[in-house]
Amino acid sequence: MLFWFLILLVSIALVVGVAVPLVTMAQTPKDTNVGRELKGNRLAAFALLAVAPVAAVAIYLEVGAPQSIDPSFREEQARLPEEPAPSPMAAFDEIPADQRLAMIENMVEGLATRLETTPDDFEGWRMLARSYGILGRKTESVEAYRQLTTHDPNANAEDWRNYATALFEARTSEEEGYSDAFLNALERLQAFNKDDPLSLFYLGQVAREQGNGAGALVYWRRLLSVLPADAPIRPQLASLIEEAESVQP
């Protein structure tokens, strides 16, 4: 109600400030002092007409809506719980799982196709390798890491660590043995850090499966000495060490 009362006041002001000077000016000679004064009034009137819409918009933006001038309305609005912003993933989560998987696989294949013409996109290869790994496509993940470490002369320890892990997980059985690529990845990790936990663990695995229990103990004992006291793998590692020690002459 107060909003409309303000609008009425503005309207009356416009009538007095604009219409009356315009009528009076029409009846007054332009070359008199009074005429010149009214000419100034006319300019002021037009200025008021130009400013009025801007003022109305400013008032509306200030109060938000006509009824929000009422303090009781503002208090009521303040008591309303704020609705959480919609999550960008909400619509995606509503899609059936098989359709979501198909969409992801299409995007991954699109990235793979693009990398055929942009082999120096190192971040693209990283993303592709991780994506294949998440999808359980181990062979493709290994190949993507191979492309990354081949094309990027500055591949870091994390890249080689992920490559070694992908190669290890891609083995179909313990009888398969270890590839030269896997052993090379472990050597590269050792070049970054001789106490790299992953390389020590896998080198112990290689030694054990090759019948070199003493060599496995060297790597695993060293690993046990550098692991944090609360490392989750410590119990498993202690068990492997105990097993290897039991068969030593």
C-alpha atoms as a PDB file:
ATOM      1  CA  MET A   1       0.000   0.000   0.000  1.00  0.00           C
ATOM      2  CA  LEU A   2       2.809   2.361   0.889  1.00  0.00           C
ATOM      3  CA  PHE A   3       4.433   1.716  -2.476  1.00  0.00           C
ATOM      4  CA  TRP A   4       1.344   2.877  -4.380  1.00  0.00           C
ATOM      5  CA  PHE A   5       1.064   5.953  -2.140  1.00  0.00           C
ATOM      6  CA  LEU A   6       4.602   6.883  -3.141  1.00  0.00           C
ATOM      7  CA  ILE A   7       3.696   6.417  -6.800  1.00  0.00           C
ATOM      8  CA  LEU A   8       0.722   8.799  -6.323  1.00  0.00           C
ATOM      9  CA  LEU A   9       2.964  11.434  -4.782  1.00  0.00           C
ATOM     10  CA  VAL A  10       5.405  11.171  -7.668  1.00  0.00           C
ATOM     11  CA  SER A  11       2.540  11.531 -10.147  1.00  0.00           C
ATOM     12  CA  ILE A  12       1.231  14.699  -8.422  1.00  0.00           C
ATOM     13  CA  ALA A  13       4.733  16.137  -8.403  1.00  0.00           C
ATOM     14  CA  LEU A  14       5.009  15.489 -12.127  1.00  0.00           C
ATOM     15  CA  VAL A  15       1.707  17.269 -12.801  1.00  0.00           C
ATOM     16  CA  VAL A  16       2.706  20.313 -10.772  1.00  0.00           C
ATOM     17  CA  GLY A  17       6.288  20.391 -11.946  1.00  0.00           C
ATOM     18  CA  VAL A  18       5.698  19.590 -15.588  1.00  0.00           C
ATOM     19  CA  ALA A  19       2.150  20.242 -16.818  1.00  0.00           C
ATOM     20  CA  VAL A  20       1.634  23.622 -15.124  1.00  0.00           C
ATOM     21  CA  PRO A  21       4.898  25.211 -16.404  1.00  0.00           C
ATOM     22  CA  LEU A  22       4.217  23.894 -19.906  1.00  0.00           C
ATOM     23  CA  VAL A  23       0.738  25.465 -20.013  1.00  0.00           C
ATOM     24  CA  THR A  24       1.972  28.746 -18.599  1.00  0.00           C
ATOM     25  CA  MET A  25       4.900  28.846 -21.013  1.00  0.00           C
ATOM     26  CA  ALA A  26       2.571  28.463 -23.961  1.00  0.00           C
ATOM     27  CA  GLN A  27       0.787  31.711 -22.934  1.00  0.00           C
ATOM     28  CA  THR A  28       3.943  33.774 -22.300  1.00  0.00           C
ATOM     29  CA  PRO A  29       6.053  35.614 -24.926  1.00  0.00           C
ATOM     30  CA  LYS A  30       9.421  33.972 -25.387  1.00  0.00           C
ATOM     31  CA  ASP A  31      11.429  37.196 -25.548  1.00  0.00           C
ATOM     32  CA  THR A  32      10.501  38.437 -22.047  1.00  0.00           C
ATOM     33  CA  ASN A  33      12.362  37.768 -18.853  1.00  0.00           C
ATOM     34  CA  VAL A  34       9.417  35.718 -17.671  1.00  0.00           C
ATOM     35  CA  GLY A  35       9.566  33.740 -20.917  1.00  0.00           C
ATOM     36  CA  ARG A  36      13.255  33.032 -20.431  1.00  0.00           C
ATOM     37  CA  GLU A  37      12.624  31.966 -16.856  1.00  0.00           C
ATOM     38  CA  LEU A  38       9.858  29.628 -17.951  1.00  0.00           C
ATOM     39  CA  LYS A  39      12.122  28.253 -20.629  1.00  0.00           C
ATOM     40  CA  GLY A  40      14.462  27.246 -17.836  1.00  0.00           C
ATOM     41  CA  ASN A  41      11.512  25.721 -16.019  1.00  0.00           C
ATOM     42  CA  ARG A  42      10.683  23.757 -19.135  1.00  0.00           C
ATOM     43  CA  LEU A  43      14.177  22.293 -19.234  1.00  0.00           C
ATOM     44  CA  ALA A  44      13.939  21.412 -15.574  1.00  0.00           C
ATOM     45  CA  ALA A  45      10.556  19.811 -16.209  1.00  0.00           C
ATOM     46  CA  PHE A  46      11.906  17.657 -18.998  1.00  0.00           C
ATOM     47  CA  ALA A  47      14.847  16.707 -16.788  1.00  0.00           C
ATOM     48  CA  LEU A  48      12.371  15.616 -14.123  1.00  0.00           C
ATOM     49  CA  LEU A  49      10.525  13.524 -16.676  1.00  0.00           C
ATOM     50  CA  ALA A  50      13.786  11.833 -17.658  1.00  0.00           C
ATOM     51  CA  VAL A  51      14.822  11.144 -14.083  1.00  0.00           C
ATOM     52  CA  ALA A  52      11.443   9.852 -12.889  1.00  0.00           C
ATOM     53  CA  PRO A  53      11.654   6.406 -14.563  1.00  0.00           C
ATOM     54  CA  VAL A  54      15.171   5.917 -13.246  1.00  0.00           C
ATOM     55  CA  ALA A  55      14.022   6.824  -9.759  1.00  0.00           C
ATOM     56  CA  ALA A  56      11.112   4.402 -10.006  1.00  0.00           C
ATOM     57  CA  VAL A  57      13.449   1.584 -11.032  1.00  0.00           C
ATOM     58  CA  ALA A  58      15.832   2.459  -8.205  1.00  0.00           C
ATOM     59  CA  ILE A  59      12.982   2.323  -5.684  1.00  0.00           C
ATOM     60  CA  TYR A  60      11.843  -1.029  -7.011  1.00  0.00           C
ATOM     61  CA  LEU A  61      15.320  -2.465  -6.912  1.00  0.00           C
ATOM     62  CA  GLU A  62      15.771  -1.199  -3.370  1.00  0.00           C
ATOM     63  CA  VAL A  63      12.591  -2.742  -2.008  1.00  0.00           C
ATOM     64  CA  GLY A  64      12.662  -5.802  -4.258  1.00  0.00           C
ATOM     65  CA  ALA A  65       8.881  -5.802  -4.736  1.00  0.00           C
ATOM     66  CA  PRO A  66       6.077  -3.329  -3.790  1.00  0.00           C
ATOM     67  CA  GLN A  67       4.787  -5.395  -0.913  1.00  0.00           C
ATOM     68  CA  SER A  68       8.290  -5.817   0.521  1.00  0.00           C
ATOM     69  CA  ILE A  69       8.217  -2.237   1.812  1.00  0.00           C
ATOM     70  CA  ASP A  70       5.969  -3.576   4.549  1.00  0.00           C
ATOM     71  CA  PRO A  71       8.225  -4.564   7.514  1.00  0.00           C
ATOM     72  CA  SER A  72       5.968  -7.525   8.315  1.00  0.00           C
ATOM     73  CA  PHE A  73       6.545  -8.876   4.807  1.00  0.00           C
ATOM     74  CA  ARG A  74      10.306  -8.618   5.224  1.00  0.00           C
ATOM     75  CA  GLU A  75      10.138 -10.383   8.582  1.00  0.00           C
ATOM     76  CA  GLU A  76       8.065 -13.168   7.041  1.00  0.00           C
ATOM     77  CA  GLN A  77      10.548 -13.557   4.188  1.00  0.00           C
ATOM     78  CA  ALA A  78      13.463 -13.700   6.638  1.00  0.00           C
ATOM     79  CA  ARG A  79      11.806 -16.606   8.452  1.00  0.00           C
ATOM     80  CA  LEU A  80      11.485 -18.675   5.281  1.00  0.00           C
ATOM     81  CA  PRO A  81      14.199 -21.360   4.940  1.00  0.00           C
ATOM     82  CA  GLU A  82      16.707 -20.767   2.185  1.00  0.00           C
ATOM     83  CA  GLU A  83      16.405 -23.259  -0.644  1.00  0.00           C
ATOM     84  CA  PRO A  84      19.717 -24.903  -1.528  1.00  0.00           C
ATOM     85  CA  ALA A  85      21.111 -24.107  -4.935  1.00  0.00           C
ATOM     86  CA  PRO A  86      20.387 -26.897  -7.431  1.00  0.00           C
ATOM     87  CA  SER A  87      23.329 -29.238  -7.877  1.00  0.00           C
ATOM     88  CA  PRO A  88      24.794 -29.335 -11.415  1.00  0.00           C
ATOM     89  CA  MET A  89      24.925 -33.134 -11.073  1.00  0.00           C
ATOM     90  CA  ALA A  90      21.285 -33.500 -10.012  1.00  0.00           C
ATOM     91  CA  ALA A  91      19.981 -33.952 -13.553  1.00  0.00           C
ATOM     92  CA  PHE A  92      22.865 -36.298 -14.396  1.00  0.00           C
ATOM     93  CA  ASP A  93      22.135 -38.460 -11.354  1.00  0.00           C
ATOM     94  CA  GLU A  94      18.542 -38.934 -12.512  1.00  0.00           C
ATOM     95  CA  ILE A  95      19.705 -40.585 -15.744  1.00  0.00           C
ATOM     96  CA  PRO A  96      19.670 -44.425 -15.588  1.00  0.00           C
ATOM     97  CA  ALA A  97      23.053 -45.961 -14.747  1.00  0.00           C
ATOM     98  CA  ASP A  98      23.484 -47.672 -18.102  1.00  0.00           C
ATOM     99  CA  GLN A  99      22.816 -44.424 -19.961  1.00  0.00           C
ATOM    100  CA  ARG A 100      25.269 -42.544 -17.742  1.00  0.00           C
ATOM    101  CA  LEU A 101      27.929 -45.165 -18.447  1.00  0.00           C
ATOM    102  CA  ALA A 102      27.268 -44.896 -22.181  1.00  0.00           C
ATOM    103  CA  MET A 103      27.622 -41.117 -22.028  1.00  0.00           C
ATOM    104  CA  ILE A 104      30.928 -41.387 -20.156  1.00  0.00           C
ATOM    105  CA  GLU A 105      32.284 -43.983 -22.577  1.00  0.00           C
ATOM    106  CA  ASN A 106      31.320 -41.772 -25.532  1.00  0.00           C
ATOM    107  CA  MET A 107      33.210 -38.851 -23.995  1.00  0.00           C
ATOM    108  CA  VAL A 108      36.242 -41.040 -23.335  1.00  0.00           C
ATOM    109  CA  GLU A 109      36.207 -42.317 -26.916  1.00  0.00           C
ATOM    110  CA  GLY A 110      35.936 -38.749 -28.140  1.00  0.00           C
ATOM    111  CA  LEU A 111      39.035 -37.834 -26.126  1.00  0.00           C
ATOM    112  CA  ALA A 112      40.896 -40.856 -27.497  1.00  0.00           C
ATOM    113  CA  THR A 113      40.023 -39.850 -31.066  1.00  0.00           C
ATOM    114  CA  ARG A 114      41.218 -36.290 -30.490  1.00  0.00           C
ATOM    115  CA  LEU A 115      44.541 -37.466 -29.050  1.00  0.00           C
ATOM    116  CA  GLU A 116      45.280 -39.338 -32.276  1.00  0.00           C
ATOM    117  CA  THR A 117      45.932 -35.953 -33.891  1.00  0.00           C
ATOM    118  CA  THR A 118      47.298 -34.195 -30.777  1.00  0.00           C
ATOM    119  CA  PRO A 119      49.800 -36.662 -29.261  1.00  0.00           C
ATOM    120  CA  ASP A 120      51.581 -33.879 -27.363  1.00  0.00           C
ATOM    121  CA  ASP A 121      48.505 -33.182 -25.226  1.00  0.00           C
ATOM    122  CA  PHE A 122      50.047 -34.688 -22.107  1.00  0.00           C
ATOM    123  CA  GLU A 123      47.199 -33.751 -19.788  1.00  0.00           C
ATOM    124  CA  GLY A 124      44.809 -35.374 -22.252  1.00  0.00           C
ATOM    125  CA  TRP A 125      46.749 -38.651 -22.052  1.00  0.00           C
ATOM    126  CA  ARG A 126      46.675 -38.501 -18.247  1.00  0.00           C
ATOM    127  CA  MET A 127      42.929 -37.992 -18.264  1.00  0.00           C
ATOM    128  CA  LEU A 128      42.393 -40.761 -20.801  1.00  0.00           C
ATOM    129  CA  ALA A 129      44.551 -43.259 -18.860  1.00  0.00           C
ATOM    130  CA  ARG A 130      42.731 -42.546 -15.593  1.00  0.00           C
ATOM    131  CA  SER A 131      39.347 -42.744 -17.301  1.00  0.00           C
ATOM    132  CA  TYR A 132      40.135 -46.127 -18.827  1.00  0.00           C
ATOM    133  CA  GLY A 133      41.297 -47.334 -15.416  1.00  0.00           C
ATOM    134  CA  ILE A 134      38.035 -46.248 -13.762  1.00  0.00           C
ATOM    135  CA  LEU A 135      36.072 -47.995 -16.499  1.00  0.00           C
ATOM    136  CA  GLY A 136      38.052 -51.187 -15.887  1.00  0.00           C
ATOM    137  CA  ARG A 137      39.610 -51.106 -19.358  1.00  0.00           C
ATOM    138  CA  LYS A 138      43.087 -52.044 -18.154  1.00  0.00           C
ATOM    139  CA  THR A 139      44.749 -52.656 -21.511  1.00  0.00           C
ATOM    140  CA  GLU A 140      43.652 -49.270 -22.848  1.00  0.00           C
ATOM    141  CA  SER A 141      44.777 -47.608 -19.611  1.00  0.00           C
ATOM    142  CA  VAL A 142      48.249 -49.142 -19.979  1.00  0.00           C
ATOM    143  CA  GLU A 143      48.474 -47.920 -23.574  1.00  0.00           C
ATOM    144  CA  ALA A 144      47.432 -44.384 -22.615  1.00  0.00           C
ATOM    145  CA  TYR A 145      50.120 -44.264 -19.908  1.00  0.00           C
ATOM    146  CA  ARG A 146      52.638 -45.618 -22.403  1.00  0.00           C
ATOM    147  CA  GLN A 147      51.756 -42.816 -24.804  1.00  0.00           C
ATOM    148  CA  LEU A 148      52.089 -40.264 -22.007  1.00  0.00           C
ATOM    149  CA  THR A 149      55.506 -41.434 -20.808  1.00  0.00           C
ATOM    150  CA  THR A 150      56.707 -41.783 -24.415  1.00  0.00           C
ATOM    151  CA  HIS A 151      55.684 -38.308 -25.588  1.00  0.00           C
ATOM    152  CA  ASP A 152      56.287 -36.333 -22.400  1.00  0.00           C
ATOM    153  CA  PRO A 153      60.027 -36.041 -21.656  1.00  0.00           C
ATOM    154  CA  ASN A 154      59.129 -34.477 -18.308  1.00  0.00           C
ATOM    155  CA  ALA A 155      56.767 -37.202 -17.104  1.00  0.00           C
ATOM    156  CA  ASN A 156      56.866 -37.045 -13.314  1.00  0.00           C
ATOM    157  CA  ALA A 157      57.099 -39.716 -10.641  1.00  0.00           C
ATOM    158  CA  GLU A 158      53.326 -39.867 -10.314  1.00  0.00           C
ATOM    159  CA  ASP A 159      52.999 -40.614 -14.030  1.00  0.00           C
ATOM    160  CA  TRP A 160      55.482 -43.495 -13.794  1.00  0.00           C
ATOM    161  CA  ARG A 161      53.875 -44.740 -10.580  1.00  0.00           C
ATOM    162  CA  ASN A 162      50.451 -44.861 -12.215  1.00  0.00           C
ATOM    163  CA  TYR A 163      51.950 -46.542 -15.281  1.00  0.00           C
ATOM    164  CA  ALA A 164      53.600 -49.225 -13.145  1.00  0.00           C
ATOM    165  CA  THR A 165      50.352 -49.828 -11.255  1.00  0.00           C
ATOM    166  CA  ALA A 166      48.378 -50.112 -14.497  1.00  0.00           C
ATOM    167  CA  LEU A 167      50.914 -52.617 -15.860  1.00  0.00           C
ATOM    168  CA  PHE A 168      50.773 -54.685 -12.663  1.00  0.00           C
ATOM    169  CA  GLU A 169      46.967 -54.739 -12.613  1.00  0.00           C
ATOM    170  CA  ALA A 170      46.780 -55.666 -16.298  1.00  0.00           C
ATOM    171  CA  ARG A 171      48.523 -58.991 -15.667  1.00  0.00           C
ATOM    172  CA  THR A 172      46.146 -61.893 -16.083  1.00  0.00           C
ATOM    173  CA  SER A 173      48.017 -64.269 -13.725  1.00  0.00           C
ATOM    174  CA  GLU A 174      51.190 -64.652 -11.697  1.00  0.00           C
ATOM    175  CA  GLU A 175      52.459 -67.172 -14.255  1.00  0.00           C
ATOM    176  CA  GLU A 176      52.482 -64.471 -16.889  1.00  0.00           C
ATOM    177  CA  GLY A 177      55.650 -62.907 -15.522  1.00  0.00           C
ATOM    178  CA  TYR A 178      56.569 -59.237 -15.638  1.00  0.00           C
ATOM    179  CA  SER A 179      57.028 -57.226 -18.796  1.00  0.00           C
ATOM    180  CA  ASP A 180      60.081 -55.156 -19.615  1.00  0.00           C
ATOM    181  CA  ALA A 181      57.823 -52.094 -19.551  1.00  0.00           C
ATOM    182  CA  PHE A 182      56.865 -52.829 -15.934  1.00  0.00           C
ATOM    183  CA  LEU A 183      60.469 -53.336 -14.815  1.00  0.00           C
ATOM    184  CA  ASN A 184      61.493 -50.160 -16.662  1.00  0.00           C
ATOM    185  CA  ALA A 185      58.725 -48.200 -14.903  1.00  0.00           C
ATOM    186  CA  LEU A 186      60.019 -49.420 -11.528  1.00  0.00           C
ATOM    187  CA  GLU A 187      63.547 -48.340 -12.461  1.00  0.00           C
ATOM    188  CA  ARG A 188      62.279 -44.892 -13.394  1.00  0.00           C
ATOM    189  CA  LEU A 189      60.536 -44.648 -10.038  1.00  0.00           C
ATOM    190  CA  GLN A 190      63.760 -45.623  -8.283  1.00  0.00           C
ATOM    191  CA  ALA A 191      65.528 -42.843 -10.199  1.00  0.00           C
ATOM    192  CA  PHE A 192      63.124 -40.314  -8.681  1.00  0.00           C
ATOM    193  CA  ASN A 193      63.357 -41.784  -5.177  1.00  0.00           C
ATOM    194  CA  LYS A 194      65.125 -44.985  -4.108  1.00  0.00           C
ATOM    195  CA  ASP A 195      62.742 -45.216  -1.167  1.00  0.00           C
ATOM    196  CA  ASP A 196      59.616 -44.887  -3.272  1.00  0.00           C
ATOM    197  CA  PRO A 197      57.143 -47.170  -1.436  1.00  0.00           C
ATOM    198  CA  LEU A 198      55.399 -48.474  -4.538  1.00  0.00           C
ATOM    199  CA  SER A 199      58.618 -49.408  -6.302  1.00  0.00           C
ATOM    200  CA  LEU A 200      59.962 -51.156  -3.170  1.00  0.00           C
ATOM    201  CA  PHE A 201      56.779 -53.160  -2.809  1.00  0.00           C
ATOM    202  CA  TYR A 202      56.627 -54.251  -6.451  1.00  0.00           C
ATOM    203  CA  LEU A 203      60.338 -55.005  -6.630  1.00  0.00           C
ATOM    204  CA  GLY A 204      59.835 -57.302  -3.651  1.00  0.00           C
ATOM    205  CA  GLN A 205      56.945 -58.957  -5.470  1.00  0.00           C
ATOM    206  CA  VAL A 206      59.096 -59.490  -8.562  1.00  0.00           C
ATOM    207  CA  ALA A 207      61.924 -60.979  -6.510  1.00  0.00           C
ATOM    208  CA  ARG A 208      59.594 -63.355  -4.667  1.00  0.00           C
ATOM    209  CA  GLU A 209      57.896 -64.619  -7.834  1.00  0.00           C
ATOM    210  CA  GLN A 210      61.299 -65.161  -9.413  1.00  0.00           C
ATOM    211  CA  GLY A 211      62.246 -67.371  -6.466  1.00  0.00           C
ATOM    212  CA  ASN A 212      64.531 -64.798  -4.868  1.00  0.00           C
ATOM    213  CA  GLY A 213      63.166 -64.682  -1.334  1.00  0.00           C
ATOM    214  CA  ALA A 214      66.295 -63.005   0.060  1.00  0.00           C
ATOM    215  CA  GLY A 215      65.971 -60.197  -2.500  1.00  0.00           C
ATOM    216  CA  ALA A 216      62.293 -59.773  -1.644  1.00  0.00           C
ATOM    217  CA  LEU A 217      63.196 -59.410   2.046  1.00  0.00           C
ATOM    218  CA  VAL A 218      65.702 -56.655   1.234  1.00  0.00           C
ATOM    219  CA  TYR A 219      63.057 -54.570  -0.526  1.00  0.00           C
ATOM    220  CA  TRP A 220      60.241 -55.231   1.953  1.00  0.00           C
ATOM    221  CA  ARG A 221      62.312 -54.619   5.069  1.00  0.00           C
ATOM    222  CA  ARG A 222      63.471 -51.367   3.567  1.00  0.00           C
ATOM    223  CA  LEU A 223      59.887 -50.476   2.756  1.00  0.00           C
ATOM    224  CA  LEU A 224      58.794 -51.284   6.301  1.00  0.00           C
ATOM    225  CA  SER A 225      61.442 -48.891   7.648  1.00  0.00           C
ATOM    226  CA  VAL A 226      60.209 -45.928   5.587  1.00  0.00           C
ATOM    227  CA  LEU A 227      56.463 -46.437   6.006  1.00  0.00           C
ATOM    228  CA  PRO A 228      54.548 -44.316   8.539  1.00  0.00           C
ATOM    229  CA  ALA A 229      53.594 -46.140  11.723  1.00  0.00           C
ATOM    230  CA  ASP A 230      49.898 -45.942  10.827  1.00  0.00           C
ATOM    231  CA  ALA A 231      50.240 -47.011   7.183  1.00  0.00           C
ATOM    232  CA  PRO A 232      47.369 -49.424   6.376  1.00  0.00           C
ATOM    233  CA  ILE A 233      49.675 -51.734   4.427  1.00  0.00           C
ATOM    234  CA  ARG A 234      52.010 -52.448   7.362  1.00  0.00           C
ATOM    235  CA  PRO A 235      50.121 -55.577   8.595  1.00  0.00           C
ATOM    236  CA  GLN A 236      50.094 -57.081   5.087  1.00  0.00           C
ATOM    237  CA  LEU A 237      53.752 -56.221   4.598  1.00  0.00           C
ATOM    238  CA  ALA A 238      54.714 -57.754   7.953  1.00  0.00           C
ATOM    239  CA  SER A 239      52.901 -60.925   6.927  1.00  0.00           C
ATOM    240  CA  LEU A 240      54.802 -61.076   3.619  1.00  0.00           C
ATOM    241  CA  ILE A 241      58.105 -60.580   5.421  1.00  0.00           C
ATOM    242  CA  GLU A 242      57.258 -63.333   7.918  1.00  0.00           C
ATOM    243  CA  GLU A 243      56.324 -65.680   5.084  1.00  0.00           C
ATOM    244  CA  ALA A 244      59.545 -64.955   3.186  1.00  0.00           C
ATOM    245  CA  GLU A 245      61.652 -65.407   6.326  1.00  0.00           C
ATOM    246  CA  SER A 246      60.051 -68.804   7.037  1.00  0.00           C
ATOM    247  CA  VAL A 247      61.347 -70.309   3.805  1.00  0.00           C
ATOM    248  CA  GLN A 248      64.867 -68.904   4.068  1.00  0.00           C
ATOM    249  CA  PRO A 249      67.655 -71.424   4.851  1.00  0.00           C
END
